[in-house]
N, C-alpha and C. Protein backbone atom coordinates (compact mmCIF):
# COMPACT_ATOMS: atom_id res chain seq x y z
N UNK A 1 13.46 17.77 2.12
CA UNK A 1 12.36 17.52 1.19
C UNK A 1 12.47 15.76 1.37
N UNK A 2 13.02 14.96 1.93
CA UNK A 2 12.80 14.02 2.30
C UNK A 2 11.97 13.74 3.57
N UNK A 3 11.96 14.30 4.22
CA UNK A 3 11.31 14.51 5.34
C UNK A 3 9.77 14.65 4.70
N UNK A 4 9.33 15.55 3.79
CA UNK A 4 8.06 16.20 3.39
C UNK A 4 7.26 14.74 3.03
N UNK A 5 8.46 14.30 2.47
CA UNK A 5 7.67 12.93 1.38
C UNK A 5 7.44 11.59 2.48
N UNK A 6 8.48 11.41 3.60
CA UNK A 6 8.01 10.82 4.48
C UNK A 6 6.62 10.74 5.63
N UNK A 7 6.64 12.63 5.46
CA UNK A 7 5.55 13.15 6.51
C UNK A 7 4.38 12.38 5.27
N UNK A 8 4.53 13.05 4.11
CA UNK A 8 3.29 12.79 3.15
C UNK A 8 2.51 11.07 3.11
N UNK A 9 3.39 10.15 3.26
CA UNK A 9 3.40 8.63 3.21
C UNK A 9 3.12 8.29 4.97
N UNK A 10 3.55 8.69 5.58
CA UNK A 10 3.24 8.27 6.65
C UNK A 10 1.04 8.95 7.49
N UNK A 11 1.25 10.17 6.58
CA UNK A 11 -0.10 10.85 6.59
C UNK A 11 -1.10 9.92 5.65
N UNK A 12 -0.87 9.13 4.35
CA UNK A 12 -1.22 8.48 3.58
C UNK A 12 -1.80 6.99 4.36
N UNK A 13 -0.89 6.64 5.38
CA UNK A 13 -1.26 5.42 6.08
C UNK A 13 -1.50 5.79 7.37
N UNK A 14 -1.69 6.84 8.29
CA UNK A 14 -2.41 6.85 9.00
C UNK A 14 -4.34 7.04 8.37
N UNK A 15 -4.46 7.59 7.38
CA UNK A 15 -5.75 7.76 6.46
C UNK A 15 -6.34 6.59 6.28
N UNK A 16 -5.50 5.86 5.63
CA UNK A 16 -6.17 4.60 5.05
C UNK A 16 -6.37 3.79 6.72
N UNK A 17 -5.72 3.79 7.28
CA UNK A 17 -6.48 3.19 8.80
C UNK A 17 -7.25 3.76 9.23
N UNK A 18 -7.53 4.98 9.67
CA UNK A 18 -8.52 5.84 9.65
C UNK A 18 -10.10 5.52 8.97
N UNK A 19 -9.54 5.10 7.74
CA UNK A 19 -10.92 4.66 6.73
C UNK A 19 -11.03 3.40 7.02
N UNK A 20 -10.15 2.43 7.42
CA UNK A 20 -10.44 1.11 7.35
C UNK A 20 -11.03 1.24 9.18
N UNK A 21 -10.58 2.14 9.92
CA UNK A 21 -11.62 1.76 11.54
C UNK A 21 -12.92 2.36 10.97
N UNK A 22 -12.87 3.20 9.98
CA UNK A 22 -14.50 3.69 10.15
C UNK A 22 -15.45 3.16 9.46
N UNK A 23 -14.87 2.06 8.64
CA UNK A 23 -15.61 0.68 7.82
C UNK A 23 -16.27 0.09 8.54
N UNK A 24 -15.18 -0.53 9.87
CA UNK A 24 -15.85 -1.46 11.10
C UNK A 24 -16.57 -1.09 11.96
N UNK A 25 -16.76 0.26 12.33
CA UNK A 25 -17.56 0.61 12.91
C UNK A 25 -19.02 1.39 12.67
N UNK A 26 -18.82 1.81 11.30
CA UNK A 26 -19.70 2.36 10.94
C UNK A 26 -21.25 1.90 10.41
N UNK A 27 -21.07 0.68 10.55
CA UNK A 27 -22.23 -0.21 10.08
C UNK A 27 -23.07 -0.32 11.71
N UNK A 28 -24.54 -0.51 11.84
CA UNK A 28 -25.10 -0.61 12.98
C UNK A 28 -25.97 -1.67 13.19
N UNK A 29 -26.45 -2.89 14.03
CA UNK A 29 -27.22 -3.68 13.79
C UNK A 29 -28.33 -3.82 13.09
N UNK A 30 -28.41 -4.45 12.33
CA UNK A 30 -29.42 -4.33 11.10
C UNK A 30 -29.46 -3.57 9.73
N UNK A 31 -28.50 -2.94 10.05
CA UNK A 31 -28.53 -2.29 9.17
C UNK A 31 -27.09 -2.59 8.11
N UNK A 32 -27.90 -2.30 6.47
CA UNK A 32 -26.92 -3.10 5.84
C UNK A 32 -26.21 -1.69 4.72
N UNK A 33 -25.17 -2.26 4.47
CA UNK A 33 -24.01 -1.07 3.79
C UNK A 33 -23.58 -1.42 2.73
N UNK A 34 -23.11 -0.97 1.56
CA UNK A 34 -22.16 -1.42 0.77
C UNK A 34 -20.99 -1.62 1.24
N UNK A 35 -20.46 -3.34 1.11
CA UNK A 35 -18.93 -2.87 1.76
C UNK A 35 -18.45 -3.54 0.65
N UNK A 36 -16.52 -2.99 0.74
CA UNK A 36 -15.73 -3.49 -0.49
C UNK A 36 -15.44 -4.76 -0.02
N UNK A 37 -15.44 -6.31 -0.95
CA UNK A 37 -14.68 -7.09 -0.52
C UNK A 37 -13.10 -7.06 0.01
N UNK A 38 -12.84 -8.05 0.67
CA UNK A 38 -11.12 -8.21 0.79
C UNK A 38 -10.53 -8.37 -0.25
N UNK A 39 -11.16 -8.98 -1.63
CA UNK A 39 -10.37 -9.24 -2.79
C UNK A 39 -10.01 -7.85 -3.28
N UNK A 40 -11.19 -7.53 -2.87
CA UNK A 40 -11.09 -5.79 -3.62
C UNK A 40 -10.30 -4.93 -3.25
N UNK A 41 -10.10 -5.22 -2.05
CA UNK A 41 -9.53 -4.21 -1.55
C UNK A 41 -7.89 -4.43 -1.28
N UNK A 42 -7.78 -6.17 -1.62
CA UNK A 42 -6.16 -6.43 -1.95
C UNK A 42 -5.90 -6.36 -3.54
N UNK A 43 -7.29 -6.47 -4.18
CA UNK A 43 -6.91 -5.70 -5.85
C UNK A 43 -6.09 -4.37 -6.02
N UNK A 44 -6.93 -3.26 -5.13
CA UNK A 44 -6.69 -1.96 -4.85
C UNK A 44 -5.22 -1.71 -4.67
N UNK A 45 -4.82 -2.61 -3.08
CA UNK A 45 -3.24 -2.13 -2.91
C UNK A 45 -2.63 -2.82 -3.80
N UNK A 46 -2.39 -3.83 -4.42
CA UNK A 46 -1.51 -4.70 -5.68
C UNK A 46 -1.31 -3.73 -6.53
N UNK A 47 -2.45 -2.85 -7.19
CA UNK A 47 -2.70 -1.92 -7.93
C UNK A 47 -1.78 -0.52 -7.43
N UNK A 48 -2.13 -0.06 -6.28
CA UNK A 48 -1.55 1.18 -5.63
C UNK A 48 0.34 0.66 -5.42
N UNK A 49 0.68 -0.46 -5.27
CA UNK A 49 2.20 -1.13 -5.09
C UNK A 49 2.63 -1.00 -6.36
N UNK A 50 1.72 -1.29 -7.52
CA UNK A 50 2.31 -1.82 -9.09
C UNK A 50 2.53 -0.36 -9.69
N UNK A 51 1.51 0.60 -9.17
CA UNK A 51 2.04 1.65 -9.84
C UNK A 51 3.02 2.54 -9.36
N UNK A 52 3.15 2.56 -7.73
CA UNK A 52 4.57 3.13 -7.07
C UNK A 52 5.74 2.25 -7.76
N UNK A 53 5.89 1.27 -7.99
CA UNK A 53 7.08 0.47 -9.00
C UNK A 53 6.81 1.81 -10.12
N UNK A 54 6.04 1.55 -10.72
CA UNK A 54 6.33 2.00 -12.23
C UNK A 54 6.69 3.56 -12.25
N UNK A 55 5.98 3.97 -11.31
CA UNK A 55 6.61 5.27 -11.13
C UNK A 55 8.07 5.27 -10.96
N UNK A 56 8.43 4.78 -10.06
CA UNK A 56 10.03 4.73 -9.59
C UNK A 56 11.08 4.37 -10.54
N UNK A 57 10.38 3.54 -11.59
CA UNK A 57 10.87 3.44 -12.31
C UNK A 57 11.06 3.98 -13.73
N UNK A 58 10.05 4.73 -13.87
CA UNK A 58 10.03 5.57 -14.83
C UNK A 58 10.92 6.88 -14.44
N UNK A 59 10.52 7.39 -13.20
CA UNK A 59 11.47 8.23 -12.90
C UNK A 59 13.41 7.60 -13.10
N UNK A 60 13.68 6.29 -12.69
CA UNK A 60 14.89 6.21 -12.71
C UNK A 60 14.96 6.05 -13.96
N UNK A 61 14.15 5.35 -15.17
CA UNK A 61 14.88 5.91 -16.58
C UNK A 61 15.25 7.45 -16.90
N UNK A 62 14.19 8.31 -16.56
CA UNK A 62 14.15 9.54 -16.88
C UNK A 62 15.68 10.34 -16.11
N UNK A 63 16.27 9.72 -15.19
CA UNK A 63 17.15 10.27 -14.84
C UNK A 63 18.49 9.64 -15.28
N UNK A 64 18.36 8.38 -16.00
CA UNK A 64 19.33 7.89 -16.56
C UNK A 64 19.68 8.39 -17.87
N UNK A 65 18.22 9.05 -18.64
CA UNK A 65 18.64 9.41 -19.60
C UNK A 65 18.84 10.45 -19.94
N UNK A 66 18.79 11.69 -18.64
CA UNK A 66 19.79 12.72 -18.26
C UNK A 66 18.55 14.04 -18.55
N UNK A 67 17.56 13.62 -17.83
CA UNK A 67 16.27 14.30 -18.00
C UNK A 67 16.60 15.53 -16.80
N UNK A 68 16.69 16.70 -17.22
CA UNK A 68 16.73 17.98 -16.33
C UNK A 68 16.18 18.32 -15.13
N UNK A 69 14.70 17.75 -15.19
CA UNK A 69 13.57 18.18 -14.33
C UNK A 69 13.92 16.61 -13.53
N UNK A 70 14.11 15.76 -13.17
CA UNK A 70 14.76 14.84 -12.57
C UNK A 70 15.95 15.13 -12.08
N UNK A 71 16.09 14.74 -10.48
CA UNK A 71 17.16 14.67 -9.35
C UNK A 71 17.26 13.56 -9.10
N UNK A 72 18.15 12.85 -8.34
CA UNK A 72 18.56 12.06 -8.09
C UNK A 72 17.77 11.61 -6.23
N UNK A 73 17.39 12.71 -5.66
CA UNK A 73 16.60 12.80 -4.33
C UNK A 73 15.26 12.00 -4.49
N UNK A 74 14.50 12.65 -5.81
CA UNK A 74 13.62 12.34 -5.90
C UNK A 74 13.28 10.88 -6.70
N UNK A 75 14.28 10.18 -7.23
CA UNK A 75 14.57 8.93 -8.09
C UNK A 75 14.61 8.02 -6.66
N UNK A 76 15.77 8.07 -5.86
CA UNK A 76 15.64 8.05 -4.62
C UNK A 76 14.44 7.37 -3.67
N UNK A 77 13.69 9.05 -3.30
CA UNK A 77 12.73 8.63 -2.68
C UNK A 77 11.58 7.70 -3.37
N UNK A 78 11.29 7.96 -4.51
CA UNK A 78 10.19 7.56 -5.01
C UNK A 78 10.57 5.55 -5.41
N UNK A 79 11.73 5.39 -5.08
CA UNK A 79 12.32 4.01 -4.81
C UNK A 79 12.57 3.50 -3.66
N UNK A 80 12.17 4.63 -2.43
CA UNK A 80 12.21 3.86 -1.07
C UNK A 80 10.76 3.46 -0.97
N UNK A 81 9.82 4.64 -1.63
CA UNK A 81 8.53 4.66 -1.67
C UNK A 81 7.86 3.30 -2.03
N UNK A 82 8.39 3.07 -3.54
CA UNK A 82 7.97 1.62 -3.64
C UNK A 82 8.33 0.41 -2.87
N UNK A 83 9.55 0.56 -2.74
CA UNK A 83 9.72 -0.59 -1.82
C UNK A 83 9.10 -0.92 -0.42
N UNK A 84 9.14 0.33 -0.12
CA UNK A 84 8.32 0.04 1.72
C UNK A 84 7.36 -0.23 1.24
N UNK A 85 6.46 0.04 0.53
CA UNK A 85 4.83 -0.38 -0.15
C UNK A 85 4.57 -2.03 -0.63
N UNK A 86 5.72 -2.42 -0.92
CA UNK A 86 5.95 -3.74 -1.71
C UNK A 86 6.72 -4.57 -0.41
N UNK A 87 7.26 -4.27 0.58
CA UNK A 87 7.69 -5.16 1.49
C UNK A 87 6.07 -5.33 2.65
N UNK A 88 5.40 -3.88 2.67
CA UNK A 88 4.10 -3.78 3.21
C UNK A 88 2.82 -4.58 3.03
N UNK A 89 2.47 -5.05 1.48
CA UNK A 89 2.16 -5.63 0.80
C UNK A 89 2.68 -7.34 0.98
N UNK A 90 3.91 -7.33 0.96
CA UNK A 90 4.55 -8.80 1.01
C UNK A 90 4.35 -9.11 2.76
N UNK A 91 4.19 -8.61 3.36
CA UNK A 91 3.98 -8.79 4.94
C UNK A 91 2.50 -8.99 5.19
N UNK A 92 1.65 -8.16 4.03
CA UNK A 92 0.20 -8.78 4.90
C UNK A 92 -0.26 -9.95 3.81
N UNK A 93 0.53 -10.38 3.15
CA UNK A 93 0.64 -11.28 2.39
C UNK A 93 0.77 -13.06 3.40
N UNK A 94 1.95 -12.43 3.79
CA UNK A 94 2.50 -13.76 4.60
C UNK A 94 1.32 -13.64 5.99
N UNK A 95 1.25 -12.82 6.43
CA UNK A 95 -0.08 -12.88 7.74
C UNK A 95 -0.65 -13.44 6.67
N UNK A 96 -1.61 -13.20 5.83
CA UNK A 96 -2.66 -13.97 5.46
C UNK A 96 -2.75 -15.15 5.38
N UNK A 97 -1.48 -15.42 4.61
CA UNK A 97 -1.45 -17.69 4.88
C UNK A 97 -0.97 -17.86 5.98
N UNK A 98 -0.49 -17.32 6.75
CA UNK A 98 -0.51 -17.81 8.21
C UNK A 98 -1.98 -17.81 8.77
N UNK A 99 -2.48 -17.21 8.66
CA UNK A 99 -3.84 -16.83 9.04
C UNK A 99 -4.77 -18.34 8.63
N UNK A 100 -4.48 -18.34 7.29
CA UNK A 100 -5.05 -19.31 6.55
C UNK A 100 -4.92 -21.03 6.79
N UNK A 101 -3.62 -21.01 7.20
CA UNK A 101 -3.04 -22.44 7.55
C UNK A 101 -3.19 -22.91 8.83
N UNK A 102 -3.79 -21.78 9.76
CA UNK A 102 -3.86 -21.75 10.99
C UNK A 102 -5.83 -22.49 10.91
N UNK A 103 -6.05 -21.90 10.03
CA UNK A 103 -7.80 -22.03 10.15
C UNK A 103 -7.49 -23.46 9.21
N UNK A 104 -6.82 -24.01 8.51
CA UNK A 104 -6.41 -25.48 7.97
C UNK A 104 -6.44 -26.18 9.06
N UNK A 105 -5.67 -25.96 9.92
CA UNK A 105 -5.14 -27.08 10.74
C UNK A 105 -5.81 -27.20 12.29
N UNK A 106 -7.07 -26.71 12.28
CA UNK A 106 -8.06 -26.37 13.26
C UNK A 106 -8.53 -27.48 13.55
N UNK A 107 -8.72 -28.41 14.57
CA UNK A 107 -9.45 -29.54 14.42
C UNK A 107 -11.08 -29.35 14.53
N UNK A 108 -11.65 -29.96 13.71
CA UNK A 108 -12.83 -30.09 13.03
C UNK A 108 -13.37 -30.99 14.22
């Protein structure tokens, strides 16, 4: 069950990567396309991380309350998913700040 969930997360990550690559290469010179801004992408990513954390918290609370439909493995997988997604978002933020600082420190 855990391997299946890990495979699902990897599949989602690969899908996002393919989508990002497709958006970069699908625009031809002279052609305009409705593009999603970086701010919108970051907002969506933050919302997804928030939903993941809320889902994990809800499952944890259900387990604590004794819900027979929720098992410990399900809760642990949800918590790990939310932890990994939060760490990934934090790394993206750190890289963005580093890039911003590099640009700001460039001589004019």
